[in-house]
Amino acid sequence: VFKPGLSKLDRKQFEADLRAFATRLVQDVLPSMTAGRRTDGPKKLKPAGSGESASRPRFVAAPPSAEDLTRELSLLQERLAELRRQGDPTQISLMVMRVAREFFERGVLLLAKNEQLRGLGGFGLAPKEQKIGLIIRDVMIPLKEPSVFLEVVSSGKPWHGPLPDARWSQYLMGRIGRFHSCDVSLVPLVAHRDTIAIVPLMA
């Protein structure tokens, strides 16, 4: 997702970028996150370690249909209309999070600054009925140590899959709760070829 300069917002180009972003999520990311999983029951989320068996199947919705895609793109149109009404390019990060919320159950926004990632906000479930938007503000991930987060910030390319069993991956999921999250998508927000933020998304 590319963030335009604050004084050079091309609304048509940004609309095209968000459409491409939404289409990529629906057609490529979500189907790969649900492939091969059981769908024989209702979906119910519980924090990890709440007594459930490790062998218990994870219930995930079927891959989206053409009707789902049409509905999601209609929601995207509404979000773009909101941006036009606001007329404020500084709201682009918030708009990206709103679009992501239409496709994912949980997500957080991590700002890349001064060789570290700091939490700014989020949506979705959090442990012990806390608010994820408040929890994430206390999260700090250094960008001086090797991690999947450093890889995304350095390359400016998205990453998708099970988070590595590494220090900072465990730290993030330990703070916001694992629930039934198996795969995570890390989406970089890029401005002038520099990654200014990462959006970790969980279905």
C-alpha atoms as a PDB file:
ATOM      1  CA  VAL A   1       0.000   0.000   0.000  1.00  0.00           C
ATOM      2  CA  PHE A   2       1.566   3.267  -1.066  1.00  0.00           C
ATOM      3  CA  LYS A   3       0.965   6.433   0.923  1.00  0.00           C
ATOM      4  CA  PRO A   4       1.134   9.546  -1.274  1.00  0.00           C
ATOM      5  CA  GLY A   5       2.777  12.787  -0.217  1.00  0.00           C
ATOM      6  CA  LEU A   6       0.465  14.957   1.836  1.00  0.00           C
ATOM      7  CA  SER A   7       0.504  17.742  -0.758  1.00  0.00           C
ATOM      8  CA  LYS A   8       0.347  15.489  -3.822  1.00  0.00           C
ATOM      9  CA  LEU A   9      -2.663  13.260  -3.282  1.00  0.00           C
ATOM     10  CA  ASP A  10      -4.006  11.975  -6.594  1.00  0.00           C
ATOM     11  CA  ARG A  11      -7.437  10.769  -5.536  1.00  0.00           C
ATOM     12  CA  LYS A  12      -8.001   8.653  -8.656  1.00  0.00           C
ATOM     13  CA  GLN A  13      -4.652   6.926  -8.235  1.00  0.00           C
ATOM     14  CA  PHE A  14      -5.236   6.371  -4.521  1.00  0.00           C
ATOM     15  CA  GLU A  15      -8.670   4.919  -5.265  1.00  0.00           C
ATOM     16  CA  ALA A  16      -7.072   2.543  -7.780  1.00  0.00           C
ATOM     17  CA  ASP A  17      -4.433   1.568  -5.198  1.00  0.00           C
ATOM     18  CA  LEU A  18      -7.049   0.787  -2.556  1.00  0.00           C
ATOM     19  CA  ARG A  19      -9.100  -1.224  -5.053  1.00  0.00           C
ATOM     20  CA  ALA A  20      -6.005  -3.260  -5.886  1.00  0.00           C
ATOM     21  CA  PHE A  21      -5.304  -3.680  -2.162  1.00  0.00           C
ATOM     22  CA  ALA A  22      -8.826  -4.963  -1.466  1.00  0.00           C
ATOM     23  CA  THR A  23      -8.806  -7.269  -4.492  1.00  0.00           C
ATOM     24  CA  ARG A  24      -5.456  -8.737  -3.449  1.00  0.00           C
ATOM     25  CA  LEU A  25      -6.771  -9.432   0.045  1.00  0.00           C
ATOM     26  CA  VAL A  26      -9.932 -11.144  -1.209  1.00  0.00           C
ATOM     27  CA  GLN A  27      -8.461 -13.122  -4.103  1.00  0.00           C
ATOM     28  CA  ASP A  28      -4.987 -14.042  -2.853  1.00  0.00           C
ATOM     29  CA  VAL A  29      -4.532 -13.600   0.888  1.00  0.00           C
ATOM     30  CA  LEU A  30      -7.803 -14.835   2.421  1.00  0.00           C
ATOM     31  CA  PRO A  31      -8.097 -18.023   0.305  1.00  0.00           C
ATOM     32  CA  SER A  32      -4.541 -19.036   1.232  1.00  0.00           C
ATOM     33  CA  MET A  33      -5.308 -18.462   4.919  1.00  0.00           C
ATOM     34  CA  THR A  34      -8.384 -20.726   4.767  1.00  0.00           C
ATOM     35  CA  ALA A  35      -7.045 -23.435   2.426  1.00  0.00           C
ATOM     36  CA  GLY A  36      -7.093 -26.926   3.873  1.00  0.00           C
ATOM     37  CA  ARG A  37      -8.928 -26.038   7.075  1.00  0.00           C
ATOM     38  CA  ARG A  38     -12.138 -27.504   8.390  1.00  0.00           C
ATOM     39  CA  THR A  39     -15.401 -25.611   8.081  1.00  0.00           C
ATOM     40  CA  ASP A  40     -17.686 -28.105   9.859  1.00  0.00           C
ATOM     41  CA  GLY A  41     -18.856 -25.870  12.648  1.00  0.00           C
ATOM     42  CA  PRO A  42     -19.391 -22.322  13.842  1.00  0.00           C
ATOM     43  CA  LYS A  43     -16.362 -20.161  14.399  1.00  0.00           C
ATOM     44  CA  LYS A  44     -15.591 -19.433  18.027  1.00  0.00           C
ATOM     45  CA  LEU A  45     -12.550 -17.534  19.243  1.00  0.00           C
ATOM     46  CA  LYS A  46     -10.869 -18.174  22.571  1.00  0.00           C
ATOM     47  CA  PRO A  47      -7.550 -16.980  23.936  1.00  0.00           C
ATOM     48  CA  ALA A  48      -4.710 -19.472  23.709  1.00  0.00           C
ATOM     49  CA  GLY A  49      -4.194 -21.373  26.912  1.00  0.00           C
ATOM     50  CA  SER A  50      -7.855 -21.196  27.919  1.00  0.00           C
ATOM     51  CA  GLY A  51      -8.114 -24.963  28.290  1.00  0.00           C
ATOM     52  CA  GLU A  52      -8.954 -25.966  24.729  1.00  0.00           C
ATOM     53  CA  SER A  53      -7.252 -29.000  23.236  1.00  0.00           C
ATOM     54  CA  ALA A  54      -4.371 -28.393  20.838  1.00  0.00           C
ATOM     55  CA  SER A  55      -5.958 -30.908  18.455  1.00  0.00           C
ATOM     56  CA  ARG A  56      -9.292 -29.106  18.323  1.00  0.00           C
ATOM     57  CA  PRO A  57     -10.144 -28.081  14.727  1.00  0.00           C
ATOM     58  CA  ARG A  58     -10.027 -24.413  13.883  1.00  0.00           C
ATOM     59  CA  PHE A  59     -13.232 -23.268  12.225  1.00  0.00           C
ATOM     60  CA  VAL A  60     -12.711 -20.892   9.344  1.00  0.00           C
ATOM     61  CA  ALA A  61     -15.142 -19.531   6.785  1.00  0.00           C
ATOM     62  CA  ALA A  62     -14.952 -20.804   3.194  1.00  0.00           C
ATOM     63  CA  PRO A  63     -12.983 -18.758   0.635  1.00  0.00           C
ATOM     64  CA  PRO A  64     -14.939 -15.699  -0.599  1.00  0.00           C
ATOM     65  CA  SER A  65     -17.199 -16.031  -3.616  1.00  0.00           C
ATOM     66  CA  ALA A  66     -17.763 -13.568  -6.458  1.00  0.00           C
ATOM     67  CA  GLU A  67     -20.725 -12.177  -4.484  1.00  0.00           C
ATOM     68  CA  ASP A  68     -18.486 -11.672  -1.463  1.00  0.00           C
ATOM     69  CA  LEU A  69     -15.986  -9.796  -3.614  1.00  0.00           C
ATOM     70  CA  THR A  70     -18.725  -7.541  -4.988  1.00  0.00           C
ATOM     71  CA  ARG A  71     -19.959  -6.785  -1.477  1.00  0.00           C
ATOM     72  CA  GLU A  72     -16.462  -6.043  -0.204  1.00  0.00           C
ATOM     73  CA  LEU A  73     -15.717  -3.705  -3.095  1.00  0.00           C
ATOM     74  CA  SER A  74     -18.988  -1.884  -2.374  1.00  0.00           C
ATOM     75  CA  LEU A  75     -17.794  -1.366   1.191  1.00  0.00           C
ATOM     76  CA  LEU A  76     -14.522  -0.093  -0.216  1.00  0.00           C
ATOM     77  CA  GLN A  77     -16.461   2.477  -2.269  1.00  0.00           C
ATOM     78  CA  GLU A  78     -18.030   3.719   0.952  1.00  0.00           C
ATOM     79  CA  ARG A  79     -14.606   4.110   2.577  1.00  0.00           C
ATOM     80  CA  LEU A  80     -13.328   6.053  -0.427  1.00  0.00           C
ATOM     81  CA  ALA A  81     -16.372   8.316  -0.241  1.00  0.00           C
ATOM     82  CA  GLU A  82     -15.481   9.019   3.392  1.00  0.00           C
ATOM     83  CA  LEU A  83     -11.982  10.041   2.352  1.00  0.00           C
ATOM     84  CA  ARG A  84     -13.381  12.458  -0.226  1.00  0.00           C
ATOM     85  CA  ARG A  85     -15.672  14.021   2.368  1.00  0.00           C
ATOM     86  CA  GLN A  86     -12.838  14.460   4.833  1.00  0.00           C
ATOM     87  CA  GLY A  87     -10.449  15.829   2.203  1.00  0.00           C
ATOM     88  CA  ASP A  88      -7.558  15.149   4.581  1.00  0.00           C
ATOM     89  CA  PRO A  89      -4.634  13.080   3.222  1.00  0.00           C
ATOM     90  CA  THR A  90      -3.320  12.593   6.759  1.00  0.00           C
ATOM     91  CA  GLN A  91      -6.207  10.158   7.308  1.00  0.00           C
ATOM     92  CA  ILE A  92      -4.812   7.651   4.785  1.00  0.00           C
ATOM     93  CA  SER A  93      -3.335   5.332   7.420  1.00  0.00           C
ATOM     94  CA  LEU A  94      -6.683   5.238   9.186  1.00  0.00           C
ATOM     95  CA  MET A  95      -8.411   4.533   5.873  1.00  0.00           C
ATOM     96  CA  VAL A  96      -6.120   1.569   5.193  1.00  0.00           C
ATOM     97  CA  MET A  97      -7.024   0.154   8.616  1.00  0.00           C
ATOM     98  CA  ARG A  98     -10.722   0.616   7.894  1.00  0.00           C
ATOM     99  CA  VAL A  99     -10.388  -1.254   4.610  1.00  0.00           C
ATOM    100  CA  ALA A 100      -8.457  -4.046   6.329  1.00  0.00           C
ATOM    101  CA  ARG A 101     -11.157  -4.311   8.985  1.00  0.00           C
ATOM    102  CA  GLU A 102     -13.658  -5.339   6.315  1.00  0.00           C
ATOM    103  CA  PHE A 103     -11.569  -8.448   5.545  1.00  0.00           C
ATOM    104  CA  PHE A 104      -9.817  -9.427   8.789  1.00  0.00           C
ATOM    105  CA  GLU A 105     -10.933 -10.074  12.345  1.00  0.00           C
ATOM    106  CA  ARG A 106      -7.943  -8.422  13.990  1.00  0.00           C
ATOM    107  CA  GLY A 107      -5.234  -6.008  13.007  1.00  0.00           C
ATOM    108  CA  VAL A 108      -2.822  -3.478  14.475  1.00  0.00           C
ATOM    109  CA  LEU A 109      -0.899  -0.486  13.158  1.00  0.00           C
ATOM    110  CA  LEU A 110       2.822  -0.283  13.987  1.00  0.00           C
ATOM    111  CA  LEU A 111       4.676   2.951  13.187  1.00  0.00           C
ATOM    112  CA  ALA A 112       8.293   2.572  11.996  1.00  0.00           C
ATOM    113  CA  LYS A 113      10.370   5.379  13.442  1.00  0.00           C
ATOM    114  CA  ASN A 114      13.765   5.798  15.118  1.00  0.00           C
ATOM    115  CA  GLU A 115      14.773   2.185  14.416  1.00  0.00           C
ATOM    116  CA  GLN A 116      11.760   0.693  16.143  1.00  0.00           C
ATOM    117  CA  LEU A 117       8.114  -0.191  15.607  1.00  0.00           C
ATOM    118  CA  ARG A 118       5.625   1.362  18.018  1.00  0.00           C
ATOM    119  CA  GLY A 119       1.948   0.474  18.261  1.00  0.00           C
ATOM    120  CA  LEU A 120      -0.565   3.174  17.314  1.00  0.00           C
ATOM    121  CA  GLY A 121      -3.920   1.437  17.181  1.00  0.00           C
ATOM    122  CA  GLY A 122      -5.830  -1.679  16.256  1.00  0.00           C
ATOM    123  CA  PHE A 123      -9.148  -3.470  15.986  1.00  0.00           C
ATOM    124  CA  GLY A 124     -10.534  -6.841  17.025  1.00  0.00           C
ATOM    125  CA  LEU A 125     -10.403  -9.094  20.057  1.00  0.00           C
ATOM    126  CA  ALA A 126      -7.899  -8.704  22.876  1.00  0.00           C
ATOM    127  CA  PRO A 127      -7.123 -10.867  25.935  1.00  0.00           C
ATOM    128  CA  LYS A 128      -9.271 -10.616  29.066  1.00  0.00           C
ATOM    129  CA  GLU A 129     -11.803  -8.240  27.454  1.00  0.00           C
ATOM    130  CA  GLN A 130      -9.186  -5.513  27.125  1.00  0.00           C
ATOM    131  CA  LYS A 131      -9.120  -3.089  24.212  1.00  0.00           C
ATOM    132  CA  ILE A 132      -6.544  -3.947  21.587  1.00  0.00           C
ATOM    133  CA  GLY A 133      -6.162  -0.275  20.667  1.00  0.00           C
ATOM    134  CA  LEU A 134      -4.907   0.433  24.188  1.00  0.00           C
ATOM    135  CA  ILE A 135      -2.734  -2.680  24.517  1.00  0.00           C
ATOM    136  CA  ILE A 136      -0.885  -2.042  21.272  1.00  0.00           C
ATOM    137  CA  ARG A 137       0.215   1.432  22.372  1.00  0.00           C
ATOM    138  CA  ASP A 138       2.580  -0.182  24.877  1.00  0.00           C
ATOM    139  CA  VAL A 139       4.149  -2.425  22.214  1.00  0.00           C
ATOM    140  CA  MET A 140       7.653  -1.617  20.987  1.00  0.00           C
ATOM    141  CA  ILE A 141       9.659  -3.821  18.596  1.00  0.00           C
ATOM    142  CA  PRO A 142      13.284  -2.839  17.893  1.00  0.00           C
ATOM    143  CA  LEU A 143      14.455  -2.797  14.294  1.00  0.00           C
ATOM    144  CA  LYS A 144      18.095  -3.386  15.191  1.00  0.00           C
ATOM    145  CA  GLU A 145      17.557  -7.103  15.826  1.00  0.00           C
ATOM    146  CA  PRO A 146      16.765  -9.672  13.098  1.00  0.00           C
ATOM    147  CA  SER A 147      13.030 -10.397  12.825  1.00  0.00           C
ATOM    148  CA  VAL A 148      10.281 -10.832  10.264  1.00  0.00           C
ATOM    149  CA  PHE A 149       9.260  -7.249  11.067  1.00  0.00           C
ATOM    150  CA  LEU A 150      12.707  -5.938  10.152  1.00  0.00           C
ATOM    151  CA  GLU A 151      12.516  -7.957   6.924  1.00  0.00           C
ATOM    152  CA  VAL A 152       9.233  -6.269   5.921  1.00  0.00           C
ATOM    153  CA  VAL A 153      10.418  -2.776   6.881  1.00  0.00           C
ATOM    154  CA  SER A 154      13.699  -3.194   4.999  1.00  0.00           C
ATOM    155  CA  SER A 155      12.237  -4.733   1.840  1.00  0.00           C
ATOM    156  CA  GLY A 156       8.954  -2.800   1.705  1.00  0.00           C
ATOM    157  CA  LYS A 157       7.308  -6.060   0.605  1.00  0.00           C
ATOM    158  CA  PRO A 158       4.351  -7.808   2.279  1.00  0.00           C
ATOM    159  CA  TRP A 159       4.840 -11.069   4.161  1.00  0.00           C
ATOM    160  CA  HIS A 160       2.313 -13.840   4.813  1.00  0.00           C
ATOM    161  CA  GLY A 161       2.356 -17.091   6.764  1.00  0.00           C
ATOM    162  CA  PRO A 162       2.710 -18.486  10.288  1.00  0.00           C
ATOM    163  CA  LEU A 163       4.795 -16.106  12.376  1.00  0.00           C
ATOM    164  CA  PRO A 164       8.263 -17.517  13.065  1.00  0.00           C
ATOM    165  CA  ASP A 165       8.846 -18.943  16.528  1.00  0.00           C
ATOM    166  CA  ALA A 166      11.131 -16.060  17.383  1.00  0.00           C
ATOM    167  CA  ARG A 167      11.483 -13.534  20.174  1.00  0.00           C
ATOM    168  CA  TRP A 168       9.649 -10.540  18.735  1.00  0.00           C
ATOM    169  CA  SER A 169       6.939 -12.580  17.047  1.00  0.00           C
ATOM    170  CA  GLN A 170       6.153 -14.232  20.377  1.00  0.00           C
ATOM    171  CA  TYR A 171       6.314 -10.847  22.084  1.00  0.00           C
ATOM    172  CA  LEU A 172       3.686  -9.302  19.785  1.00  0.00           C
ATOM    173  CA  MET A 173       1.282 -12.249  19.936  1.00  0.00           C
ATOM    174  CA  GLY A 174       1.794 -12.521  23.680  1.00  0.00           C
ATOM    175  CA  ARG A 175       0.663  -8.925  24.105  1.00  0.00           C
ATOM    176  CA  ILE A 176      -2.352  -8.937  21.775  1.00  0.00           C
ATOM    177  CA  GLY A 177      -3.311 -12.617  22.257  1.00  0.00           C
ATOM    178  CA  ARG A 178      -3.079 -15.482  19.807  1.00  0.00           C
ATOM    179  CA  PHE A 179      -6.690 -16.692  19.871  1.00  0.00           C
ATOM    180  CA  HIS A 180      -7.086 -18.891  16.757  1.00  0.00           C
ATOM    181  CA  SER A 181      -4.620 -16.915  14.648  1.00  0.00           C
ATOM    182  CA  CYS A 182      -2.528 -19.329  12.571  1.00  0.00           C
ATOM    183  CA  ASP A 183      -1.343 -17.165   9.699  1.00  0.00           C
ATOM    184  CA  VAL A 184      -0.528 -13.474   9.755  1.00  0.00           C
ATOM    185  CA  SER A 185      -0.184 -10.984   6.914  1.00  0.00           C
ATOM    186  CA  LEU A 186       2.282  -8.135   7.427  1.00  0.00           C
ATOM    187  CA  VAL A 187       1.388  -5.274   5.076  1.00  0.00           C
ATOM    188  CA  PRO A 188       3.915  -2.423   4.743  1.00  0.00           C
ATOM    189  CA  LEU A 189       2.731   1.163   4.338  1.00  0.00           C
ATOM    190  CA  VAL A 190       5.265   2.851   2.043  1.00  0.00           C
ATOM    191  CA  ALA A 191       5.939   6.547   1.460  1.00  0.00           C
ATOM    192  CA  HIS A 192       8.712   7.780  -0.848  1.00  0.00           C
ATOM    193  CA  ARG A 193      10.176   4.233  -0.974  1.00  0.00           C
ATOM    194  CA  ASP A 194      10.489   4.071   2.801  1.00  0.00           C
ATOM    195  CA  THR A 195       8.335   1.830   4.989  1.00  0.00           C
ATOM    196  CA  ILE A 196       6.681   4.109   7.515  1.00  0.00           C
ATOM    197  CA  ALA A 197       4.398   1.550   9.141  1.00  0.00           C
ATOM    198  CA  ILE A 198       3.414  -2.115   9.175  1.00  0.00           C
ATOM    199  CA  VAL A 199      -0.123  -3.474   9.490  1.00  0.00           C
ATOM    200  CA  PRO A 200      -0.155  -7.033  10.925  1.00  0.00           C
ATOM    201  CA  LEU A 201      -3.501  -8.646  10.008  1.00  0.00           C
ATOM    202  CA  MET A 202      -4.986 -11.852  11.412  1.00  0.00           C
ATOM    203  CA  ALA A 203      -8.018 -13.816  10.193  1.00  0.00           C
END
